[in-house]
N, C-alpha and C. Protein backbone atom coordinates (compact mmCIF):
# COMPACT_ATOMS: atom_id res chain seq x y z
N UNK A 1 103.66 115.10 108.70
CA UNK A 1 104.40 115.07 107.49
C UNK A 1 105.68 115.16 106.95
N UNK A 2 106.28 113.81 106.33
CA UNK A 2 108.12 113.74 106.11
C UNK A 2 108.47 114.74 105.51
N UNK A 3 109.99 115.23 105.82
CA UNK A 3 110.37 115.98 104.61
C UNK A 3 111.08 115.43 103.70
N UNK A 4 110.92 116.09 102.66
CA UNK A 4 111.48 115.26 101.43
C UNK A 4 112.90 115.36 101.09
N UNK A 5 113.73 114.61 100.62
CA UNK A 5 114.92 114.73 100.96
C UNK A 5 115.14 114.55 99.06
N UNK A 6 116.75 114.99 98.90
CA UNK A 6 117.10 115.41 97.45
C UNK A 6 117.74 114.48 97.20
N UNK A 7 117.91 113.30 95.71
CA UNK A 7 118.83 112.53 95.40
C UNK A 7 118.50 112.82 94.26
N UNK A 8 119.85 112.90 93.42
CA UNK A 8 119.80 113.33 92.10
C UNK A 8 119.25 114.11 91.77
N UNK A 9 118.82 114.51 91.04
CA UNK A 9 118.07 115.93 90.38
C UNK A 9 116.66 116.03 91.21
N UNK A 10 116.02 115.14 91.74
CA UNK A 10 114.88 114.90 92.25
C UNK A 10 115.28 115.07 93.53
N UNK A 11 113.68 115.75 94.65
CA UNK A 11 113.43 114.93 95.96
C UNK A 11 112.17 113.85 95.97
N UNK A 12 112.25 113.41 97.26
CA UNK A 12 111.35 112.72 97.28
C UNK A 12 111.45 111.66 98.83
N UNK A 13 110.66 111.01 98.93
CA UNK A 13 110.22 110.34 99.88
C UNK A 13 111.43 109.40 100.57
N UNK A 14 112.38 109.06 101.52
CA UNK A 14 113.30 108.18 101.75
C UNK A 14 112.68 107.07 102.71
N UNK A 15 112.73 106.04 102.61
CA UNK A 15 112.08 105.32 103.62
C UNK A 15 113.14 103.65 103.98
N UNK A 16 113.73 103.96 105.07
CA UNK A 16 114.94 102.72 104.98
C UNK A 16 114.75 101.76 106.53
N UNK A 17 115.28 100.81 106.02
CA UNK A 17 115.17 99.76 107.07
C UNK A 17 115.52 99.95 108.22
N UNK A 18 114.60 99.32 109.38
CA UNK A 18 115.19 99.34 110.49
C UNK A 18 116.50 99.22 111.06
N UNK A 19 117.15 98.11 110.18
CA UNK A 19 118.65 97.71 110.48
C UNK A 19 119.80 98.20 109.58
N UNK A 20 120.32 98.64 110.05
CA UNK A 20 121.43 99.57 109.16
C UNK A 20 122.00 98.82 108.69
N UNK A 21 122.86 99.23 107.18
CA UNK A 21 123.65 98.51 106.06
C UNK A 21 123.46 98.50 105.16
N UNK A 22 124.22 98.38 104.06
CA UNK A 22 124.10 98.05 102.43
C UNK A 22 123.04 97.39 102.04
N UNK A 23 121.88 97.97 101.59
CA UNK A 23 120.77 97.07 101.42
C UNK A 23 120.36 97.30 99.29
N UNK A 24 119.76 96.34 98.90
CA UNK A 24 119.27 96.60 97.22
C UNK A 24 118.01 97.83 97.68
N UNK A 25 117.84 98.81 96.84
CA UNK A 25 116.85 99.60 96.46
C UNK A 25 116.02 99.74 95.41
N UNK A 26 114.98 100.19 96.01
CA UNK A 26 113.37 100.15 94.87
C UNK A 26 113.20 101.29 94.87
N UNK A 27 112.76 102.23 93.47
CA UNK A 27 112.29 103.28 93.07
C UNK A 27 110.85 102.66 93.29
N UNK A 28 110.43 103.62 93.63
CA UNK A 28 108.52 103.47 93.70
C UNK A 28 108.00 105.10 93.20
N UNK A 29 107.46 104.60 91.98
CA UNK A 29 107.34 105.63 91.21
C UNK A 29 105.04 106.09 91.27
N UNK A 30 104.84 107.30 91.07
CA UNK A 30 103.55 107.81 91.53
C UNK A 30 103.06 107.44 90.53
N UNK A 31 101.52 107.37 90.83
CA UNK A 31 100.42 107.52 90.13
C UNK A 31 100.22 109.00 89.64
N UNK A 32 99.30 109.05 88.21
CA UNK A 32 99.28 110.18 87.46
C UNK A 32 98.69 111.58 88.75
N UNK A 33 98.66 111.61 89.61
CA UNK A 33 98.02 112.24 90.75
C UNK A 33 99.14 113.35 91.44
N UNK A 34 100.40 112.58 91.76
CA UNK A 34 101.75 112.83 92.32
C UNK A 34 102.42 111.97 92.98
N UNK A 35 102.89 112.94 93.63
CA UNK A 35 103.54 112.14 95.37
C UNK A 35 102.51 112.46 96.46
N UNK A 36 101.90 111.10 96.53
CA UNK A 36 100.83 111.32 97.45
C UNK A 36 101.10 110.73 98.73
N UNK A 37 100.18 110.43 99.72
CA UNK A 37 100.66 109.59 100.31
C UNK A 37 100.58 108.42 100.48
N UNK A 38 99.62 107.91 99.75
CA UNK A 38 99.71 106.30 99.01
C UNK A 38 101.02 105.94 98.58
N UNK A 39 101.87 106.75 97.78
CA UNK A 39 102.87 106.61 97.21
C UNK A 39 103.73 106.21 98.26
N UNK A 40 103.91 107.07 98.97
CA UNK A 40 105.08 107.20 100.27
C UNK A 40 104.70 105.70 101.37
N UNK A 41 103.41 105.44 101.52
CA UNK A 41 103.15 104.48 102.08
C UNK A 41 103.85 103.10 101.82
N UNK A 42 103.54 103.06 99.97
CA UNK A 42 103.89 101.72 99.51
C UNK A 42 105.95 101.63 99.68
N UNK A 43 106.39 102.82 99.33
CA UNK A 43 108.13 103.01 100.01
C UNK A 43 108.28 102.60 101.24
N UNK A 44 107.41 103.01 102.16
CA UNK A 44 107.26 102.32 103.16
C UNK A 44 107.21 100.66 103.58
N UNK A 45 106.26 100.22 102.80
CA UNK A 45 106.34 98.73 102.94
C UNK A 45 107.11 98.13 102.63
N UNK A 46 108.20 98.92 101.35
CA UNK A 46 109.43 98.12 100.82
C UNK A 46 110.45 98.05 102.28
N UNK A 47 110.31 99.34 102.56
CA UNK A 47 111.11 99.52 103.99
C UNK A 47 111.38 98.46 104.30
N UNK A 48 110.33 98.55 104.96
CA UNK A 48 109.63 97.04 106.33
C UNK A 48 110.36 95.33 105.73
N UNK A 49 110.46 95.74 104.45
CA UNK A 49 110.60 94.39 103.83
C UNK A 49 112.43 93.96 103.44
N UNK A 50 113.13 95.38 104.04
CA UNK A 50 114.42 95.24 103.85
C UNK A 50 115.07 96.06 102.67
N UNK A 51 114.13 96.99 102.20
CA UNK A 51 114.83 98.02 101.02
C UNK A 51 114.93 99.09 101.23
N UNK A 52 115.74 99.35 101.04
CA UNK A 52 115.85 101.20 100.67
C UNK A 52 115.03 101.83 99.74
N UNK A 53 113.92 102.36 100.12
CA UNK A 53 113.07 102.45 99.02
C UNK A 53 113.16 104.14 99.10
N UNK A 54 112.85 104.49 97.98
CA UNK A 54 112.78 105.87 97.46
C UNK A 54 111.33 106.33 96.63
N UNK A 55 110.42 107.08 97.21
CA UNK A 55 109.49 107.70 96.05
C UNK A 55 110.12 109.03 95.68
N UNK A 56 109.80 109.32 94.62
CA UNK A 56 110.65 110.58 94.01
C UNK A 56 109.43 111.22 93.46
N UNK A 57 109.08 112.86 93.87
CA UNK A 57 108.45 113.72 93.56
C UNK A 57 108.33 114.17 92.55
N UNK A 58 108.08 113.64 91.35
CA UNK A 58 108.02 113.95 89.82
C UNK A 58 107.63 115.04 89.02
N UNK A 59 106.78 115.78 90.14
CA UNK A 59 105.89 117.26 89.72
C UNK A 59 106.37 118.35 90.59
N UNK A 60 107.49 117.76 90.95
CA UNK A 60 108.42 119.18 91.86
C UNK A 60 107.57 119.92 92.26
N UNK A 61 106.92 119.11 93.93
CA UNK A 61 106.21 120.03 94.44
C UNK A 61 104.31 120.29 94.05
N UNK A 62 104.38 119.85 92.92
CA UNK A 62 102.60 120.29 92.66
C UNK A 62 101.97 118.95 92.74
N UNK A 63 100.73 118.96 92.95
CA UNK A 63 99.60 117.90 93.62
C UNK A 63 98.62 117.65 92.52
N UNK A 64 97.72 116.85 92.31
CA UNK A 64 96.68 116.75 91.89
C UNK A 64 95.77 115.82 92.60
N UNK A 65 94.74 116.50 93.14
CA UNK A 65 93.70 115.72 94.63
C UNK A 65 93.26 114.80 93.53
N UNK A 66 92.89 113.16 94.34
CA UNK A 66 92.54 111.94 94.14
C UNK A 66 91.16 112.29 93.02
N UNK A 67 90.77 112.32 91.92
CA UNK A 67 89.54 112.51 91.59
C UNK A 67 89.68 113.67 90.56
N UNK A 68 90.60 114.46 90.71
CA UNK A 68 91.01 115.62 89.44
C UNK A 68 91.68 115.54 88.61
N UNK A 69 90.64 115.10 87.47
CA UNK A 69 91.54 114.26 86.36
C UNK A 69 92.47 115.40 85.44
N UNK A 70 91.79 116.86 85.08
CA UNK A 70 91.52 117.84 84.49
C UNK A 70 93.14 118.01 84.95
N UNK A 71 93.63 118.21 86.24
CA UNK A 71 94.85 118.76 86.81
C UNK A 71 95.82 117.65 86.54
N UNK A 72 95.57 116.53 86.99
CA UNK A 72 96.29 115.37 86.99
C UNK A 72 96.85 115.36 85.03
N UNK A 73 96.06 115.21 84.19
CA UNK A 73 96.38 115.87 82.98
C UNK A 73 97.30 116.85 82.89
N UNK A 74 97.14 117.52 83.04
CA UNK A 74 98.35 118.96 82.80
C UNK A 74 99.86 118.44 83.91
N UNK A 75 99.15 117.69 84.76
CA UNK A 75 100.79 117.73 85.37
C UNK A 75 101.59 116.49 84.55
N UNK A 76 101.03 115.85 83.98
CA UNK A 76 101.53 114.80 83.55
C UNK A 76 102.23 115.28 82.11
N UNK A 77 101.17 116.40 81.57
CA UNK A 77 102.27 116.64 80.27
C UNK A 77 102.76 117.99 80.62
N UNK A 78 103.27 118.22 81.62
CA UNK A 78 104.15 119.39 81.87
C UNK A 78 105.21 118.91 82.18
N UNK A 79 105.35 117.84 82.84
CA UNK A 79 106.41 117.02 83.70
C UNK A 79 107.00 115.40 83.17
N UNK A 80 105.87 114.51 82.54
CA UNK A 80 105.98 113.53 81.84
C UNK A 80 107.00 113.53 81.11
N UNK A 81 107.95 114.87 80.24
CA UNK A 81 108.89 115.01 79.16
C UNK A 81 110.14 114.66 80.15
N UNK A 82 110.10 114.99 81.44
CA UNK A 82 111.65 115.42 81.90
C UNK A 82 111.47 114.23 83.32
N UNK A 83 110.68 113.44 83.30
CA UNK A 83 110.69 112.26 84.26
C UNK A 83 111.45 111.57 84.64
N UNK A 84 111.40 111.03 82.89
CA UNK A 84 112.83 110.12 82.32
C UNK A 84 114.17 110.37 83.46
N UNK A 85 114.64 111.94 82.74
CA UNK A 85 115.45 112.39 83.50
C UNK A 85 116.12 112.29 84.39
N UNK A 86 114.75 112.80 85.23
CA UNK A 86 114.88 112.84 87.06
C UNK A 86 115.31 111.31 87.19
N UNK A 87 114.58 110.10 86.50
CA UNK A 87 114.95 109.14 86.94
C UNK A 87 115.82 108.23 87.30
N UNK A 88 116.76 109.12 85.67
CA UNK A 88 117.76 108.05 85.63
C UNK A 88 118.75 109.10 86.63
N UNK A 89 118.46 110.29 86.68
CA UNK A 89 119.61 110.91 87.91
C UNK A 89 119.26 110.41 89.02
N UNK A 90 118.23 109.65 89.90
CA UNK A 90 117.91 109.26 90.97
C UNK A 90 118.71 107.69 90.85
N UNK A 91 118.53 106.89 89.81
CA UNK A 91 119.47 105.38 89.49
C UNK A 91 120.47 105.95 89.93
N UNK A 92 121.41 106.98 89.15
CA UNK A 92 123.00 107.66 89.29
C UNK A 92 123.19 107.86 90.81
N UNK A 93 122.12 108.38 91.67
CA UNK A 93 122.39 108.66 93.09
C UNK A 93 122.42 107.93 94.17
N UNK A 94 121.70 106.65 93.57
CA UNK A 94 121.19 105.51 94.70
C UNK A 94 122.68 104.78 94.32
N UNK A 95 123.46 104.22 93.19
CA UNK A 95 124.37 103.71 93.04
C UNK A 95 125.53 104.10 93.85
N UNK A 96 125.73 105.30 94.15
CA UNK A 96 126.77 105.91 94.87
C UNK A 96 126.47 105.99 96.57
N UNK A 97 125.33 105.99 96.63
CA UNK A 97 124.76 106.12 97.97
C UNK A 97 125.09 105.45 99.37
N UNK A 98 125.29 105.59 99.97
CA UNK A 98 126.06 104.91 101.31
C UNK A 98 125.24 103.93 101.64
N UNK A 99 124.17 103.40 101.90
CA UNK A 99 123.05 102.67 101.76
C UNK A 99 122.77 101.85 101.03
N UNK A 100 122.56 101.63 99.73
CA UNK A 100 122.72 100.89 98.62
C UNK A 100 123.78 99.79 98.35
N UNK A 101 123.85 98.88 98.25
CA UNK A 101 124.06 97.89 97.47
C UNK A 101 124.77 98.11 96.30
N UNK A 102 124.19 98.97 95.18
CA UNK A 102 124.24 98.50 93.86
C UNK A 102 123.36 97.88 93.08
N UNK A 103 122.39 97.18 93.78
CA UNK A 103 121.16 96.49 92.90
C UNK A 103 120.42 97.69 93.30
N UNK A 104 119.52 97.95 92.18
CA UNK A 104 118.44 98.74 92.13
C UNK A 104 117.34 97.83 91.24
N UNK A 105 115.98 98.31 91.67
CA UNK A 105 114.82 97.57 90.97
C UNK A 105 113.62 98.87 91.29
N UNK A 106 112.77 98.96 90.44
CA UNK A 106 111.54 100.19 89.93
C UNK A 106 110.28 99.34 89.76
N UNK A 107 109.08 100.27 90.71
CA UNK A 107 107.92 100.21 90.31
C UNK A 107 107.49 101.23 90.58
N UNK A 108 106.25 100.83 89.29
CA UNK A 108 104.96 102.03 89.36
C UNK A 108 104.00 101.79 88.74
N UNK A 109 102.84 102.63 89.04
CA UNK A 109 101.58 102.61 89.23
C UNK A 109 100.87 103.46 88.17
N UNK A 110 100.31 103.17 87.23
CA UNK A 110 99.34 103.80 86.50
C UNK A 110 100.62 104.89 85.70
N UNK A 111 101.01 106.13 85.12
CA UNK A 111 101.89 107.10 84.51
C UNK A 111 103.34 106.83 85.41
N UNK A 112 103.16 106.24 86.70
CA UNK A 112 104.44 105.36 87.35
C UNK A 112 104.72 103.75 86.70
N UNK A 113 103.93 103.40 86.23
CA UNK A 113 104.15 102.46 85.54
C UNK A 113 104.66 102.14 84.22
N UNK A 114 104.40 103.23 83.39
CA UNK A 114 105.22 103.65 82.36
C UNK A 114 106.29 104.16 82.43
N UNK A 115 106.47 104.73 83.78
CA UNK A 115 107.87 105.35 83.64
C UNK A 115 108.54 104.71 84.56
N UNK A 116 108.60 103.39 84.95
CA UNK A 116 109.04 102.11 85.62
C UNK A 116 109.51 101.58 84.38
N UNK A 117 108.59 101.08 83.19
CA UNK A 117 109.65 100.67 82.26
C UNK A 117 110.32 101.59 81.13
N UNK A 118 110.07 102.73 81.13
CA UNK A 118 110.68 103.67 80.55
C UNK A 118 112.71 103.67 81.27
N UNK A 119 112.20 103.54 82.50
CA UNK A 119 113.50 103.97 83.18
C UNK A 119 114.42 102.89 82.71
N UNK A 120 113.71 101.27 82.89
CA UNK A 120 114.38 100.09 82.44
C UNK A 120 114.85 99.98 81.33
N UNK A 121 114.87 100.99 80.28
CA UNK A 121 115.29 101.25 78.68
C UNK A 121 117.04 102.25 79.25
N UNK A 122 116.76 102.98 79.83
CA UNK A 122 118.23 103.92 80.22
C UNK A 122 119.08 103.45 81.06
N UNK A 123 118.31 102.90 82.45
CA UNK A 123 119.46 101.96 83.39
C UNK A 123 119.42 100.49 83.21
N UNK A 124 120.55 100.23 83.59
CA UNK A 124 120.61 98.61 83.70
C UNK A 124 120.18 98.40 85.10
N UNK A 125 118.84 98.39 85.57
CA UNK A 125 118.25 97.55 86.07
C UNK A 125 118.47 96.63 87.02
N UNK A 126 117.77 96.21 88.20
CA UNK A 126 117.73 94.36 88.27
C UNK A 126 116.54 93.51 88.23
N UNK A 127 115.74 94.38 88.42
CA UNK A 127 113.84 94.63 88.31
C UNK A 127 113.63 95.93 87.98
N UNK A 128 112.26 94.92 87.27
CA UNK A 128 111.12 96.66 87.02
C UNK A 128 109.52 95.98 86.99
N UNK A 129 108.59 96.38 87.73
CA UNK A 129 107.50 95.99 87.97
C UNK A 129 106.55 97.14 87.96
N UNK A 130 105.68 96.75 86.50
CA UNK A 130 104.76 97.53 86.45
C UNK A 130 103.49 97.16 86.84
N UNK A 131 102.40 98.36 87.57
CA UNK A 131 101.50 98.34 87.56
C UNK A 131 100.42 99.14 86.73
N UNK A 132 99.27 98.24 86.08
CA UNK A 132 98.31 99.17 85.17
C UNK A 132 99.06 99.92 84.77
N UNK A 133 100.45 100.03 83.86
CA UNK A 133 100.59 101.29 83.90
C UNK A 133 100.03 102.36 82.16
N UNK A 134 100.16 103.24 82.57
CA UNK A 134 99.43 103.99 81.24
C UNK A 134 100.05 104.76 80.56
N UNK A 135 99.40 104.25 79.00
CA UNK A 135 100.44 104.39 77.74
C UNK A 135 101.29 104.03 77.50
N UNK A 136 101.51 102.63 78.62
CA UNK A 136 103.03 101.99 77.97
C UNK A 136 103.20 101.68 76.44
N UNK A 137 101.89 101.77 75.65
CA UNK A 137 102.15 101.40 74.63
C UNK A 137 103.68 102.54 73.46
N UNK A 138 103.25 103.25 74.23
CA UNK A 138 104.56 104.58 74.03
C UNK A 138 105.98 104.05 73.79
N UNK A 139 106.20 103.04 74.61
CA UNK A 139 107.60 102.94 75.26
C UNK A 139 107.32 101.30 74.62
N UNK A 140 106.82 101.26 73.82
CA UNK A 140 107.16 99.27 73.54
C UNK A 140 108.29 99.11 72.48
N UNK A 141 108.72 99.86 71.23
CA UNK A 141 109.91 100.54 71.05
C UNK A 141 111.04 100.59 71.56
N UNK A 142 110.99 101.21 72.50
CA UNK A 142 112.04 101.52 73.44
C UNK A 142 112.50 100.30 74.06
N UNK A 143 111.67 99.79 74.59
CA UNK A 143 111.99 98.37 75.03
C UNK A 143 112.15 97.06 74.20
N UNK A 144 111.58 97.00 72.94
CA UNK A 144 112.26 96.32 72.51
C UNK A 144 113.97 95.92 71.94
N UNK A 145 114.51 97.64 72.17
CA UNK A 145 115.72 97.92 72.04
C UNK A 145 116.43 98.00 72.52
N UNK A 146 116.25 97.94 74.28
CA UNK A 146 116.87 98.02 75.31
C UNK A 146 116.50 97.55 76.47
N UNK A 147 115.77 97.11 76.56
CA UNK A 147 115.63 96.32 78.04
C UNK A 147 115.91 94.90 78.35
N UNK A 148 116.68 95.16 79.33
CA UNK A 148 116.88 93.73 79.86
C UNK A 148 116.96 93.05 81.41
N UNK A 149 116.13 94.09 81.64
CA UNK A 149 115.83 93.48 83.33
C UNK A 149 114.51 92.48 83.01
N UNK A 150 114.49 91.74 84.34
CA UNK A 150 113.07 90.57 84.19
C UNK A 150 112.30 91.71 84.62
N UNK A 151 110.84 91.64 84.26
CA UNK A 151 109.95 92.20 84.17
C UNK A 151 109.10 91.29 85.27
N UNK A 152 107.77 92.22 85.85
CA UNK A 152 107.11 91.90 86.48
C UNK A 152 105.55 92.80 86.37
N UNK A 153 104.13 91.50 85.63
CA UNK A 153 103.09 93.54 85.28
C UNK A 153 102.10 92.97 85.90
N UNK A 154 101.17 93.76 86.39
CA UNK A 154 99.66 93.42 87.65
C UNK A 154 98.99 94.60 86.52
N UNK A 155 97.68 93.77 85.78
CA UNK A 155 96.74 94.46 85.27
C UNK A 155 95.14 93.61 85.60
N UNK A 156 94.38 94.47 85.80
CA UNK A 156 92.90 94.06 85.78
C UNK A 156 92.79 94.17 84.55
N UNK A 157 91.51 93.20 84.35
CA UNK A 157 90.46 92.67 83.46
C UNK A 157 90.01 93.91 82.81
N UNK A 158 89.12 94.75 83.93
CA UNK A 158 87.95 95.65 83.82
C UNK A 158 88.72 96.88 83.60
N UNK A 159 90.00 97.19 83.41
CA UNK A 159 90.46 98.39 83.05
C UNK A 159 90.65 98.72 82.03
N UNK A 160 89.48 99.75 82.02
CA UNK A 160 89.02 100.38 80.72
C UNK A 160 90.10 101.66 79.99
N UNK A 161 90.76 101.85 80.82
CA UNK A 161 92.15 103.08 80.43
C UNK A 161 93.31 102.52 79.60
N UNK A 162 93.02 100.96 79.65
CA UNK A 162 94.07 100.52 78.64
C UNK A 162 93.67 100.06 77.44
N UNK A 163 93.86 100.54 76.38
CA UNK A 163 93.79 100.25 74.92
C UNK A 163 93.28 98.11 75.12
N UNK A 164 92.39 97.62 74.41
CA UNK A 164 92.13 96.45 74.03
C UNK A 164 93.34 95.96 73.91
N UNK A 165 93.83 94.33 73.95
CA UNK A 165 95.21 93.95 73.21
C UNK A 165 96.35 94.42 73.91
N UNK A 166 96.39 95.46 74.57
CA UNK A 166 97.87 95.89 74.79
C UNK A 166 98.48 94.99 75.88
N UNK A 167 97.80 95.01 76.87
CA UNK A 167 98.54 93.52 77.74
C UNK A 167 99.15 92.82 76.93
N UNK A 168 98.41 92.36 76.04
CA UNK A 168 98.70 90.67 75.31
C UNK A 168 99.89 91.21 74.76
N UNK A 169 99.78 92.53 73.60
CA UNK A 169 101.21 92.97 73.06
C UNK A 169 102.29 93.02 74.04
N UNK A 170 101.64 93.41 74.85
CA UNK A 170 103.38 93.54 76.02
C UNK A 170 103.82 92.28 76.20
N UNK A 171 102.70 91.43 76.82
CA UNK A 171 103.66 90.20 76.94
C UNK A 171 104.59 89.47 75.73
N UNK A 172 104.09 89.54 74.70
CA UNK A 172 103.94 88.94 73.53
C UNK A 172 105.79 89.71 73.15
N UNK A 173 105.76 91.13 73.39
CA UNK A 173 107.10 91.97 72.95
C UNK A 173 108.22 90.83 73.90
N UNK A 174 107.84 90.79 74.85
CA UNK A 174 108.52 90.70 76.54
C UNK A 174 109.01 88.97 76.35
N UNK A 175 108.28 88.23 75.00
CA UNK A 175 108.71 87.00 74.86
C UNK A 175 109.92 87.18 73.29
N UNK A 176 109.43 88.26 72.68
CA UNK A 176 110.02 88.21 71.42
C UNK A 176 111.38 88.29 71.55
N UNK A 177 111.86 89.74 72.86
CA UNK A 177 113.10 90.03 73.54
C UNK A 177 113.78 88.91 74.20
N UNK A 178 112.88 88.30 74.77
CA UNK A 178 113.84 87.59 75.80
C UNK A 178 113.77 87.49 77.41
N UNK A 179 113.39 88.26 77.71
CA UNK A 179 113.65 88.76 79.11
C UNK A 179 112.71 87.56 80.39
N UNK A 180 113.03 87.64 81.58
CA UNK A 180 112.57 86.88 81.87
C UNK A 180 111.17 87.73 82.48
N UNK A 181 110.20 86.84 82.80
CA UNK A 181 108.74 88.39 83.06
C UNK A 181 107.62 87.48 83.02
N UNK A 182 106.80 87.79 83.87
CA UNK A 182 105.59 87.19 84.56
C UNK A 182 104.45 88.63 84.29
N UNK A 183 103.78 88.27 83.71
CA UNK A 183 102.45 89.02 82.86
C UNK A 183 101.13 88.53 83.92
N UNK A 184 100.56 89.42 85.17
CA UNK A 184 99.33 88.67 85.57
C UNK A 184 98.24 89.60 85.72
N UNK A 185 97.06 88.93 85.55
CA UNK A 185 96.39 89.37 84.83
C UNK A 185 94.81 89.21 85.84
N UNK A 186 94.13 90.32 86.88
CA UNK A 186 93.61 89.97 87.72
C UNK A 186 91.72 90.30 87.08
N UNK A 187 90.91 89.10 87.80
CA UNK A 187 89.54 88.89 86.93
C UNK A 187 88.57 90.06 87.82
N UNK A 188 88.14 90.58 87.40
CA UNK A 188 87.09 91.70 87.86
C UNK A 188 87.51 93.11 89.11
N UNK A 189 88.62 93.00 88.10
CA UNK A 189 90.06 94.35 88.78
C UNK A 189 90.05 95.45 87.56
N UNK A 190 89.78 96.45 88.31
CA UNK A 190 89.72 97.55 87.12
C UNK A 190 91.28 98.55 87.64
N UNK A 191 91.22 99.47 86.77
CA UNK A 191 92.99 100.99 86.71
C UNK A 191 92.64 100.87 88.27
N UNK A 192 94.21 100.89 88.85
CA UNK A 192 94.31 100.79 90.35
C UNK A 192 93.80 100.38 91.49
N UNK A 193 93.50 99.27 90.96
CA UNK A 193 93.24 97.85 92.13
C UNK A 193 94.05 97.84 93.61
N UNK A 194 95.16 98.32 93.55
CA UNK A 194 96.63 98.66 94.80
C UNK A 194 96.16 99.64 95.14
N UNK A 195 95.11 100.85 95.22
CA UNK A 195 95.38 101.75 95.52
C UNK A 195 93.72 101.30 96.89
N UNK A 196 94.61 101.21 98.18
CA UNK A 196 93.99 100.87 99.30
C UNK A 196 93.25 102.22 99.85
N UNK A 197 93.47 103.50 99.40
CA UNK A 197 92.85 104.94 99.79
C UNK A 197 91.78 105.11 99.22
N UNK A 198 91.44 104.35 98.40
CA UNK A 198 90.48 104.68 97.21
C UNK A 198 89.64 103.47 97.30
N UNK A 199 88.41 103.02 98.38
CA UNK A 199 87.48 102.10 98.14
C UNK A 199 86.52 101.90 97.11
N UNK A 200 86.96 103.09 96.10
CA UNK A 200 86.00 102.71 95.03
C UNK A 200 86.58 102.04 93.87
N UNK A 201 88.05 101.78 94.13
CA UNK A 201 88.60 101.01 93.03
C UNK A 201 89.35 100.40 93.58
N UNK A 202 90.09 100.03 95.05
CA UNK A 202 90.54 98.63 95.38
C UNK A 202 89.81 97.31 95.58
N UNK A 203 90.83 96.74 95.00
CA UNK A 203 90.50 95.15 95.23
C UNK A 203 91.27 93.83 96.01
N UNK A 204 90.76 94.29 97.44
CA UNK A 204 91.48 93.78 98.52
C UNK A 204 92.36 91.95 97.69
N UNK A 205 91.85 91.27 97.60
CA UNK A 205 92.43 90.13 97.12
C UNK A 205 93.42 90.11 95.68
N UNK A 206 93.11 90.82 95.01
CA UNK A 206 93.61 91.03 93.58
C UNK A 206 94.79 91.75 94.39
N UNK A 207 95.12 93.13 95.27
CA UNK A 207 95.98 93.58 95.53
C UNK A 207 96.93 92.58 96.73
N UNK A 208 96.50 91.63 97.75
CA UNK A 208 97.01 90.79 98.64
C UNK A 208 97.60 89.94 97.13
N UNK A 209 97.46 89.86 96.51
CA UNK A 209 98.07 89.04 95.81
C UNK A 209 99.52 89.73 95.13
N UNK A 210 99.36 90.29 94.46
CA UNK A 210 99.78 90.90 93.87
C UNK A 210 101.22 91.57 94.42
N UNK A 211 101.02 91.81 95.53
CA UNK A 211 102.25 92.26 96.72
C UNK A 211 102.65 91.22 97.30
N UNK A 212 102.40 89.94 97.32
CA UNK A 212 103.25 88.60 97.96
C UNK A 212 103.95 88.18 96.45
N UNK A 213 103.82 88.60 95.49
CA UNK A 213 104.32 88.15 94.22
C UNK A 213 105.51 89.45 93.94
N UNK A 214 105.16 90.56 93.92
CA UNK A 214 106.14 91.47 94.03
C UNK A 214 106.89 91.52 95.11
N UNK A 215 106.24 90.72 96.33
CA UNK A 215 107.94 90.91 97.33
C UNK A 215 108.90 90.10 96.80
N UNK A 216 108.27 88.86 96.38
CA UNK A 216 109.34 87.37 95.51
C UNK A 216 109.88 88.05 94.49
N UNK A 217 108.92 88.61 93.48
CA UNK A 217 110.09 89.29 92.65
C UNK A 217 111.36 90.27 93.07
N UNK A 218 111.15 90.59 93.96
CA UNK A 218 112.18 91.68 94.08
C UNK A 218 113.17 90.91 94.88
N UNK A 219 112.95 89.84 96.00
CA UNK A 219 113.51 88.92 96.91
C UNK A 219 114.51 88.44 95.63
N UNK A 220 113.92 88.00 94.90
CA UNK A 220 114.54 86.76 93.93
C UNK A 220 115.69 87.68 92.90
N UNK A 221 115.58 88.96 92.61
CA UNK A 221 116.49 89.82 91.75
C UNK A 221 117.22 90.77 92.11
N UNK A 222 116.61 90.91 93.91
CA UNK A 222 117.49 92.21 94.27
C UNK A 222 118.50 91.84 95.30
N UNK A 223 117.80 90.66 95.87
CA UNK A 223 119.02 90.46 96.97
C UNK A 223 119.59 88.74 96.56
């Protein structure tokens, strides 16, 4: 198990490219289960693409087991209010990090999808990506007032955790504020379709397509 390191006010999993030098950074934000092996593996994948990737432990050492929704909900309620401040602190720490060239993007999943959007209203991210952001409608007013970064969003048409019409409202909001964006809706895909550690929800074709699009998105906006 890799040792977590401190950046700003939060510890997390840091993944570095194999070749040394200043790089753009990607903040990889956990699902509501917490900082698990799945989230760390995504940070590792970004490092393999040449990014300085950090997956913060927004639950500060606590973790819900996959499928334990009651514990996950308790942790979201406990740490959700403090997570934006932790992410802003992490962004600030990256700005002065010796391996970071100053360009920073974020990507989040479920709870992290909302946090990725929230961070974009607090700090000048160069790119923001959200996978099936949970309760993202609660930050729409913040986005309308503050969002400047280009956005890439991924959703499944069978995701019952996102209220009907929310994705369409999100897309319309992004049109209204005039930021560059792309919203992808995958057919026959539900919540957490990118989670390859859970075959009950994983959708290989949607996941592969989303990863390729995410790579191109970050390459365009961070490199």
